[in-house]
Amino acid sequence: MEAAEGGMGVDDWVEVIPHRDEALLGSFELFRDHLVVQERRDGLVHLRVCPWDGSEPHDVAFDEPVYDVYLSVNREPASSVLRFGYESLTTPTTTYDYDMVARTRTLLKQEEVLGDFDGSRYQSERLTATAEDGERIPISLVSKVGIPRDRSHPLLLYGYGAYGLSMDPDFNSARLSLLDRGFIFAIAHVRGGQELGRRWYDDGRLGQKRNSFTDFIAVAEHLVGEGYSQTDRLFAMGGSAGGLLMGAVVNMRPDLFAGVVAQVPFVDVVTTMLDDSIPLTTGEYDEWGNPNERAAFDDILAYSPYDNVEAKDYPALLVLAGLHDSQVQYWEPAKWVAKLRALKTDGHPVLLKTNMDAGHGGVSGRYRRYRDVALQYAFLLAQAGLA
């Protein structure tokens, strides 16, 4: 490419942030004396402060093993103070100012949690499980302080694993209701997300999609093996593409879970992906493959939850759908539930709730969504014998 007259040529460019296989660049902030890079490494988000004077870069230090951090609004380039947001499984959304020279941070604001919330009552952990192909799968986990690892407590394992979306260990005040009743909560950072970079995403889509499911199973087995719970107290949850994860996992290992919550689950994958009259279908070929091609069809058919339901025992299931869902039409979960009820050989409940006012993201309104949360928690508590 020829440079425009008076402009920069290719040889004039200076590499500021070299490529690193182990890091995924998310965002950056420019200051007069510093460059701040928000990047993912080792399954966590880091804020890397790079002085323009050539001195050694450093990461902003945090106290918890798992967390989420993100750049906030920084309007003054001449400042040596970085503003960022922070939260974790035990810490509500918090805004800090960080002095990039002194390397000290100042708490500015923290989201209020009603009631007698005290973050010190809860503890978070970072674990890893080994997948069947040797990959190390990160796990984020939170529980009340002092809960023993004697397999006596119920555990809810959450997963997604698609579109390169990373499931960061964020704070959720509603989740405290489960934790206070003795539940342990964990996130399986399976392939298909981007927690460990672009490779992590590519290894969980198209012909590699099965990795998402086997990763989740490996995490569940690891948590049972390490004494965090046991199979008759282990629960799973996921929505949309995470609902596909739930459907595939219960087909592959129904014995591993006592109950599963599938929120607006994408479970009739073959039928939907063959219907290119649906506006979203062709754009999804990059994620699942084009089933009009034989290899992709065979890959999708091998895991599509609806197409792989069998006459065998399944865990208890709560399935949620929305009548106005444009991404996962309500008949997908309805078909899946009907087939499960017809074929399964156990006496566990398979419950379907189709919300007549909701779309893919659930009901609108500031508080109405908590009714759905309450329903899901009531199901989990009942199956765990805590209701």
Protein backbone atom coordinates (compact mmCIF):
# COMPACT_ATOMS: atom_id res chain seq x y z
CA MET A 1 0.00 0.00 0.00
CA GLU A 2 1.35 3.42 -0.91
CA ALA A 3 1.19 6.05 1.77
CA ALA A 4 -0.84 9.16 1.03
CA GLU A 5 1.20 12.30 0.41
CA GLY A 6 2.44 13.57 3.73
CA GLY A 7 0.99 10.54 5.52
CA MET A 8 2.49 7.50 7.18
CA GLY A 9 3.77 4.54 5.22
CA VAL A 10 3.82 0.93 6.36
CA ASP A 11 7.42 1.31 7.50
CA ASP A 12 6.42 4.18 9.79
CA TRP A 13 4.17 2.04 11.98
CA VAL A 14 5.54 1.16 15.42
CA GLU A 15 4.45 -2.00 17.20
CA VAL A 16 3.16 -1.04 20.63
CA ILE A 17 1.51 -4.28 21.78
CA PRO A 18 3.07 -7.36 20.15
CA HIS A 19 0.95 -10.44 19.59
CA ARG A 20 1.01 -13.02 22.37
CA ASP A 21 -0.73 -16.35 22.01
CA GLU A 22 -1.57 -16.45 25.70
CA ALA A 23 -3.34 -13.04 25.80
CA LEU A 24 -6.53 -11.71 24.20
CA LEU A 25 -6.74 -7.94 23.86
CA GLY A 26 -10.11 -6.61 24.95
CA SER A 27 -9.80 -2.85 25.19
CA PHE A 28 -7.33 -0.10 26.00
CA GLU A 29 -7.13 3.42 27.43
CA LEU A 30 -4.66 6.09 26.35
CA PHE A 31 -3.05 8.51 28.81
CA ARG A 32 -0.24 10.99 28.31
CA ASP A 33 2.18 8.93 30.39
CA HIS A 34 0.59 5.48 30.27
CA LEU A 35 -1.19 2.98 28.08
CA VAL A 36 -3.63 0.70 29.93
CA VAL A 37 -4.58 -2.58 28.27
CA GLN A 38 -7.55 -4.71 29.29
CA GLU A 39 -6.70 -8.28 28.33
CA ARG A 40 -7.55 -11.88 29.13
CA ARG A 41 -4.84 -14.20 30.35
CA ASP A 42 -5.10 -17.54 32.11
CA GLY A 43 -8.88 -17.31 32.21
CA LEU A 44 -9.00 -13.93 34.01
CA VAL A 45 -9.26 -10.30 32.91
CA HIS A 46 -6.19 -8.18 33.70
CA LEU A 47 -5.50 -4.45 33.56
CA ARG A 48 -1.94 -4.00 32.33
CA VAL A 49 -0.36 -0.57 32.89
CA CYS A 50 2.36 0.25 30.34
CA PRO A 51 4.35 3.47 30.95
CA TRP A 52 5.31 5.33 27.77
CA ASP A 53 8.80 5.99 29.18
CA GLY A 54 9.72 2.36 28.55
CA SER A 55 9.75 1.21 32.16
CA GLU A 56 8.39 -2.21 33.03
CA PRO A 57 4.60 -2.73 32.66
CA HIS A 58 2.66 -3.99 35.65
CA ASP A 59 -0.78 -5.49 36.33
CA VAL A 60 -3.23 -3.87 38.70
CA ALA A 61 -3.25 -6.25 41.68
CA PHE A 62 -6.43 -7.77 43.08
CA ASP A 63 -7.10 -9.69 46.27
CA GLU A 64 -9.49 -12.41 45.12
CA PRO A 65 -8.74 -15.56 43.11
CA VAL A 66 -11.62 -14.96 40.65
CA TYR A 67 -13.16 -11.63 39.62
CA ASP A 68 -14.22 -9.43 36.72
CA VAL A 69 -12.62 -6.06 35.98
CA TYR A 70 -13.24 -3.53 33.22
CA LEU A 71 -12.20 -0.04 32.18
CA SER A 72 -14.53 2.75 33.25
CA VAL A 73 -14.82 6.32 31.91
CA ASN A 74 -11.44 8.11 31.79
CA ARG A 75 -11.83 11.55 30.23
CA GLU A 76 -8.55 13.22 31.24
CA PRO A 77 -5.53 12.02 29.23
CA ALA A 78 -3.08 13.96 31.40
CA SER A 79 -4.17 12.15 34.54
CA SER A 80 -2.08 9.48 36.25
CA VAL A 81 -5.24 8.02 37.79
CA LEU A 82 -7.14 5.16 36.11
CA ARG A 83 -10.81 4.59 36.85
CA PHE A 84 -12.08 1.04 36.55
CA GLY A 85 -14.97 -1.19 37.60
CA TYR A 86 -14.58 -4.38 39.60
CA GLU A 87 -16.82 -7.15 40.90
CA SER A 88 -16.54 -10.77 41.90
CA LEU A 89 -18.59 -13.66 43.19
CA THR A 90 -18.37 -12.09 46.67
CA THR A 91 -17.97 -8.37 45.89
CA PRO A 92 -20.74 -6.15 44.45
CA THR A 93 -20.07 -3.82 41.52
CA THR A 94 -17.40 -1.39 42.69
CA THR A 95 -15.70 1.64 41.15
CA TYR A 96 -12.05 2.36 41.94
CA ASP A 97 -9.51 5.05 41.14
CA TYR A 98 -6.02 3.62 40.68
CA ASP A 99 -2.87 5.75 40.93
CA MET A 100 -0.68 4.28 38.19
CA VAL A 101 2.49 5.77 39.69
CA ALA A 102 1.99 5.00 43.36
CA ARG A 103 0.13 1.75 42.50
CA THR A 104 -2.59 2.41 45.07
CA ARG A 105 -6.34 2.26 44.60
CA THR A 106 -9.16 4.24 46.17
CA LEU A 107 -12.70 2.92 46.52
CA LEU A 108 -15.19 5.45 45.14
CA LYS A 109 -18.51 3.62 45.11
CA GLN A 110 -19.96 0.17 45.69
CA GLU A 111 -23.40 -1.11 44.77
CA GLU A 112 -25.63 -1.40 47.83
CA VAL A 113 -27.00 -4.83 48.69
CA LEU A 114 -30.16 -4.76 50.78
CA GLY A 115 -30.28 -6.68 54.03
CA ASP A 116 -27.34 -7.59 56.24
CA PHE A 117 -24.98 -8.53 53.39
CA ASP A 118 -21.37 -9.02 54.43
CA GLY A 119 -18.98 -10.21 51.72
CA SER A 120 -16.64 -11.74 54.28
CA ARG A 121 -19.23 -14.46 54.95
CA TYR A 122 -18.52 -15.93 51.52
CA GLN A 123 -15.41 -17.36 49.92
CA SER A 124 -14.44 -17.79 46.28
CA GLU A 125 -12.04 -20.27 44.75
CA ARG A 126 -10.40 -20.93 41.42
CA LEU A 127 -10.08 -24.57 40.41
CA THR A 128 -9.23 -26.49 37.27
CA ALA A 129 -10.52 -29.77 35.89
CA THR A 130 -8.83 -31.97 33.31
CA ALA A 131 -10.86 -32.61 30.15
CA GLU A 132 -10.79 -35.92 28.33
CA ASP A 133 -8.21 -34.56 25.85
CA GLY A 134 -5.97 -33.15 28.61
CA GLU A 135 -7.08 -29.50 28.48
CA ARG A 136 -7.32 -27.73 31.83
CA ILE A 137 -10.80 -26.26 32.30
CA PRO A 138 -11.05 -23.26 34.67
CA ILE A 139 -13.73 -23.27 37.37
CA SER A 140 -14.93 -20.29 39.42
CA LEU A 141 -16.61 -21.25 42.69
CA VAL A 142 -18.27 -19.50 45.64
CA SER A 143 -19.78 -20.74 48.90
CA LYS A 144 -20.36 -19.63 52.46
CA VAL A 145 -17.23 -19.61 54.59
CA GLY A 146 -16.76 -22.81 56.52
CA ILE A 147 -18.78 -25.17 54.33
CA PRO A 148 -17.02 -28.55 54.57
CA ARG A 149 -15.92 -30.51 51.50
CA ASP A 150 -17.74 -33.65 52.61
CA ARG A 151 -20.14 -34.04 49.66
CA SER A 152 -23.06 -33.07 51.90
CA HIS A 153 -23.95 -29.78 50.20
CA PRO A 154 -25.88 -29.17 46.97
CA LEU A 155 -23.94 -27.53 44.15
CA LEU A 156 -25.23 -25.58 41.15
CA LEU A 157 -22.93 -25.67 38.13
CA TYR A 158 -23.49 -23.03 35.45
CA GLY A 159 -22.21 -23.11 31.87
CA TYR A 160 -22.60 -21.48 28.46
CA GLY A 161 -19.76 -22.13 26.00
CA ALA A 162 -20.67 -20.48 22.69
CA TYR A 163 -20.12 -17.45 20.45
CA GLY A 164 -16.86 -16.61 22.17
CA LEU A 165 -18.79 -15.16 25.12
CA SER A 166 -16.88 -15.42 28.38
CA MET A 167 -18.81 -16.18 31.56
CA ASP A 168 -17.00 -13.94 34.00
CA PRO A 169 -17.43 -14.49 37.77
CA ASP A 170 -19.73 -11.52 38.40
CA PHE A 171 -21.70 -10.63 41.51
CA ASN A 172 -25.37 -11.59 41.73
CA SER A 173 -27.31 -10.54 44.81
CA ALA A 174 -30.14 -13.01 44.12
CA ARG A 175 -27.61 -15.85 44.27
CA LEU A 176 -27.03 -15.11 47.96
CA SER A 177 -30.38 -16.78 48.63
CA LEU A 178 -28.94 -20.10 47.46
CA LEU A 179 -25.58 -19.64 49.17
CA ASP A 180 -27.22 -18.82 52.50
CA ARG A 181 -29.17 -22.08 52.27
CA GLY A 182 -25.99 -24.11 51.86
CA PHE A 183 -25.65 -24.27 48.09
CA ILE A 184 -22.25 -24.02 46.42
CA PHE A 185 -22.23 -22.19 43.08
CA ALA A 186 -19.69 -22.81 40.33
CA ILE A 187 -19.08 -21.68 36.75
CA ALA A 188 -17.53 -24.09 34.26
CA HIS A 189 -15.52 -22.00 31.78
CA VAL A 190 -15.88 -24.52 28.97
CA ARG A 191 -14.55 -24.22 25.44
CA GLY A 192 -16.75 -22.22 23.12
CA GLY A 193 -16.30 -19.19 25.33
CA GLN A 194 -13.22 -17.01 25.08
CA GLU A 195 -11.91 -17.14 28.63
CA LEU A 196 -8.56 -18.48 27.43
CA GLY A 197 -8.44 -16.61 24.14
CA ARG A 198 -9.53 -17.18 20.58
CA ARG A 199 -8.28 -20.77 20.57
CA TRP A 200 -10.68 -21.53 23.42
CA TYR A 201 -13.55 -20.36 21.23
CA ASP A 202 -12.44 -22.17 18.08
CA ASP A 203 -12.03 -25.41 20.04
CA GLY A 204 -15.70 -25.27 21.07
CA ARG A 205 -17.55 -24.54 17.84
CA LEU A 206 -18.34 -26.14 14.48
CA GLY A 207 -16.79 -29.63 14.33
CA GLN A 208 -15.22 -29.14 17.77
CA LYS A 209 -18.51 -28.40 19.55
CA ARG A 210 -18.44 -31.66 21.47
CA ASN A 211 -15.61 -30.21 23.58
CA SER A 212 -18.06 -27.84 25.27
CA PHE A 213 -20.10 -30.78 26.53
CA THR A 214 -17.22 -33.00 27.61
CA ASP A 215 -15.58 -30.03 29.36
CA PHE A 216 -18.73 -29.46 31.41
CA ILE A 217 -18.93 -33.14 32.30
CA ALA A 218 -15.25 -33.12 33.31
CA VAL A 219 -15.86 -30.16 35.61
CA ALA A 220 -18.87 -31.85 37.21
CA GLU A 221 -16.88 -35.05 37.78
CA HIS A 222 -13.99 -33.06 39.25
CA LEU A 223 -16.23 -31.25 41.73
CA VAL A 224 -17.73 -34.55 42.87
CA GLY A 225 -14.31 -36.18 43.06
CA GLU A 226 -12.95 -33.35 45.20
CA GLY A 227 -15.81 -33.60 47.67
CA TYR A 228 -17.69 -30.41 46.83
CA SER A 229 -20.90 -32.33 46.24
CA GLN A 230 -22.23 -35.69 45.02
CA THR A 231 -24.33 -36.70 42.06
CA ASP A 232 -27.64 -36.76 43.96
CA ARG A 233 -26.98 -33.15 45.07
CA LEU A 234 -25.42 -31.81 41.88
CA PHE A 235 -27.44 -29.44 39.67
CA ALA A 236 -26.77 -27.74 36.35
CA MET A 237 -28.06 -24.58 34.71
CA GLY A 238 -27.65 -22.85 31.36
CA GLY A 239 -29.64 -20.71 28.94
CA SER A 240 -29.98 -20.35 25.17
CA ALA A 241 -26.76 -21.90 23.79
CA GLY A 242 -26.14 -22.84 27.41
CA GLY A 243 -29.50 -24.61 27.26
CA LEU A 244 -28.11 -26.59 24.32
CA LEU A 245 -25.22 -27.45 26.63
CA MET A 246 -27.71 -28.67 29.24
CA GLY A 247 -29.60 -30.80 26.71
CA ALA A 248 -26.46 -32.39 25.32
CA VAL A 249 -25.01 -33.11 28.76
CA VAL A 250 -28.14 -34.80 30.11
CA ASN A 251 -28.21 -37.03 27.03
CA MET A 252 -24.55 -37.95 27.49
CA ARG A 253 -24.42 -38.26 31.31
CA PRO A 254 -27.91 -38.16 32.86
CA ASP A 255 -26.59 -40.05 35.88
CA LEU A 256 -24.33 -37.16 36.84
CA PHE A 257 -27.01 -34.66 37.88
CA ALA A 258 -29.96 -34.57 40.26
CA GLY A 259 -31.65 -31.71 38.42
CA VAL A 260 -31.18 -29.32 35.51
CA VAL A 261 -32.58 -25.87 34.72
CA ALA A 262 -32.64 -25.17 30.96
CA GLN A 263 -33.52 -21.55 30.16
CA VAL A 264 -34.84 -20.87 26.63
CA PRO A 265 -32.77 -23.87 25.46
CA PHE A 266 -31.64 -24.20 21.84
CA VAL A 267 -32.37 -27.91 21.62
CA ASP A 268 -33.85 -28.65 18.18
CA VAL A 269 -30.63 -27.75 16.41
CA VAL A 270 -30.97 -29.82 13.23
CA THR A 271 -34.47 -28.61 12.35
CA THR A 272 -33.74 -24.98 13.10
CA MET A 273 -30.44 -24.85 11.24
CA LEU A 274 -32.02 -26.46 8.17
CA ASP A 275 -34.65 -23.70 8.01
CA ASP A 276 -32.96 -20.75 6.31
CA SER A 277 -36.25 -18.81 6.29
CA ILE A 278 -35.59 -18.02 9.95
CA PRO A 279 -33.74 -14.66 9.91
CA LEU A 280 -30.92 -15.74 12.24
CA THR A 281 -30.16 -19.13 10.71
CA THR A 282 -27.64 -18.39 7.98
CA GLY A 283 -25.69 -16.07 10.26
CA GLU A 284 -25.31 -19.00 12.65
CA TYR A 285 -23.46 -21.19 10.13
CA ASP A 286 -20.15 -19.84 11.47
CA GLU A 287 -21.06 -21.10 14.93
CA TRP A 288 -22.70 -24.49 14.32
CA GLY A 289 -22.01 -25.21 10.67
CA ASN A 290 -24.24 -25.39 7.60
CA PRO A 291 -26.25 -28.63 7.85
CA ASN A 292 -26.85 -28.58 4.11
CA GLU A 293 -23.26 -29.84 3.97
CA ARG A 294 -23.01 -33.48 4.96
CA ALA A 295 -20.11 -33.22 7.42
CA ALA A 296 -21.76 -30.37 9.32
CA PHE A 297 -25.11 -32.19 9.31
CA ASP A 298 -23.52 -35.26 10.86
CA ASP A 299 -21.72 -33.16 13.49
CA ILE A 300 -24.91 -31.35 14.53
CA LEU A 301 -27.05 -34.50 14.51
CA ALA A 302 -24.56 -36.20 16.82
CA TYR A 303 -25.25 -33.73 19.66
CA SER A 304 -28.62 -32.07 18.93
CA PRO A 305 -30.49 -32.62 22.23
CA TYR A 306 -33.93 -33.29 20.73
CA ASP A 307 -32.59 -35.80 18.24
CA ASN A 308 -30.66 -37.75 20.88
CA VAL A 309 -33.30 -38.26 23.57
CA GLU A 310 -33.42 -41.96 24.48
CA ALA A 311 -35.46 -44.34 26.61
CA LYS A 312 -33.46 -44.06 29.83
CA ASP A 313 -33.46 -42.29 33.19
CA TYR A 314 -33.03 -38.51 33.19
CA PRO A 315 -32.60 -36.04 36.04
CA ALA A 316 -35.40 -33.70 37.12
CA LEU A 317 -35.79 -30.86 34.60
CA LEU A 318 -37.19 -27.35 34.68
CA VAL A 319 -37.45 -25.92 31.16
CA LEU A 320 -38.27 -22.25 30.54
CA ALA A 321 -39.48 -20.76 27.25
CA GLY A 322 -40.81 -17.42 26.02
CA LEU A 323 -43.75 -17.13 23.62
CA HIS A 324 -42.18 -14.10 21.88
CA ASP A 325 -38.65 -15.49 21.71
CA SER A 326 -37.22 -14.70 18.28
CA GLN A 327 -33.96 -16.57 18.87
CA VAL A 328 -35.20 -19.86 20.28
CA GLN A 329 -38.84 -20.27 19.23
CA TYR A 330 -41.05 -21.57 22.01
CA TRP A 331 -41.82 -24.83 20.21
CA GLU A 332 -38.21 -26.02 20.50
CA PRO A 333 -38.29 -26.54 24.28
CA ALA A 334 -41.93 -27.74 23.99
CA LYS A 335 -40.94 -30.47 21.50
CA TRP A 336 -37.99 -31.47 23.64
CA VAL A 337 -40.09 -31.75 26.80
CA ALA A 338 -42.75 -33.79 24.99
CA LYS A 339 -40.14 -36.26 23.70
CA LEU A 340 -38.49 -36.53 27.11
CA ARG A 341 -41.82 -37.25 28.78
CA ALA A 342 -42.65 -39.89 26.17
CA LEU A 343 -39.33 -41.75 26.34
CA LYS A 344 -37.75 -41.33 29.75
CA THR A 345 -37.92 -44.28 32.12
CA ASP A 346 -37.71 -42.54 35.52
CA GLY A 347 -40.22 -40.80 37.77
CA HIS A 348 -38.45 -37.44 37.95
CA PRO A 349 -40.46 -34.34 36.99
CA VAL A 350 -39.98 -32.62 33.65
CA LEU A 351 -41.56 -29.19 34.04
CA LEU A 352 -42.15 -26.68 31.24
CA LYS A 353 -43.05 -23.05 31.77
CA THR A 354 -43.76 -20.92 28.70
CA ASN A 355 -43.94 -17.27 29.70
CA MET A 356 -46.62 -15.66 27.55
CA ASP A 357 -45.14 -12.16 27.98
CA ALA A 358 -41.45 -12.90 27.50
CA GLY A 359 -38.87 -13.01 24.75
CA HIS A 360 -35.39 -14.50 24.69
CA GLY A 361 -34.10 -12.33 27.52
CA GLY A 362 -37.03 -12.99 29.81
CA VAL A 363 -39.73 -10.62 31.02
CA SER A 364 -39.33 -6.85 31.03
CA GLY A 365 -39.54 -4.73 34.13
CA ARG A 366 -37.18 -4.04 36.96
CA TYR A 367 -38.50 -6.67 39.36
CA ARG A 368 -40.57 -9.16 37.32
CA ARG A 369 -37.49 -11.18 36.36
CA TYR A 370 -37.05 -12.10 40.02
CA ARG A 371 -40.25 -14.14 39.81
CA ASP A 372 -38.52 -16.39 37.29
CA VAL A 373 -35.43 -16.52 39.51
CA ALA A 374 -37.65 -17.47 42.45
CA LEU A 375 -39.24 -20.27 40.39
CA GLN A 376 -35.83 -21.66 39.41
CA TYR A 377 -34.52 -21.48 42.96
CA ALA A 378 -37.69 -23.10 44.32
CA PHE A 379 -37.17 -25.97 41.89
CA LEU A 380 -33.54 -26.40 42.94
CA LEU A 381 -34.32 -26.20 46.65
CA ALA A 382 -37.16 -28.71 46.31
CA GLN A 383 -34.99 -31.19 44.43
CA ALA A 384 -32.23 -30.72 47.01
CA GLY A 385 -34.67 -31.39 49.86
CA LEU A 386 -34.29 -27.88 51.26
CA ALA A 387 -37.73 -26.45 50.43
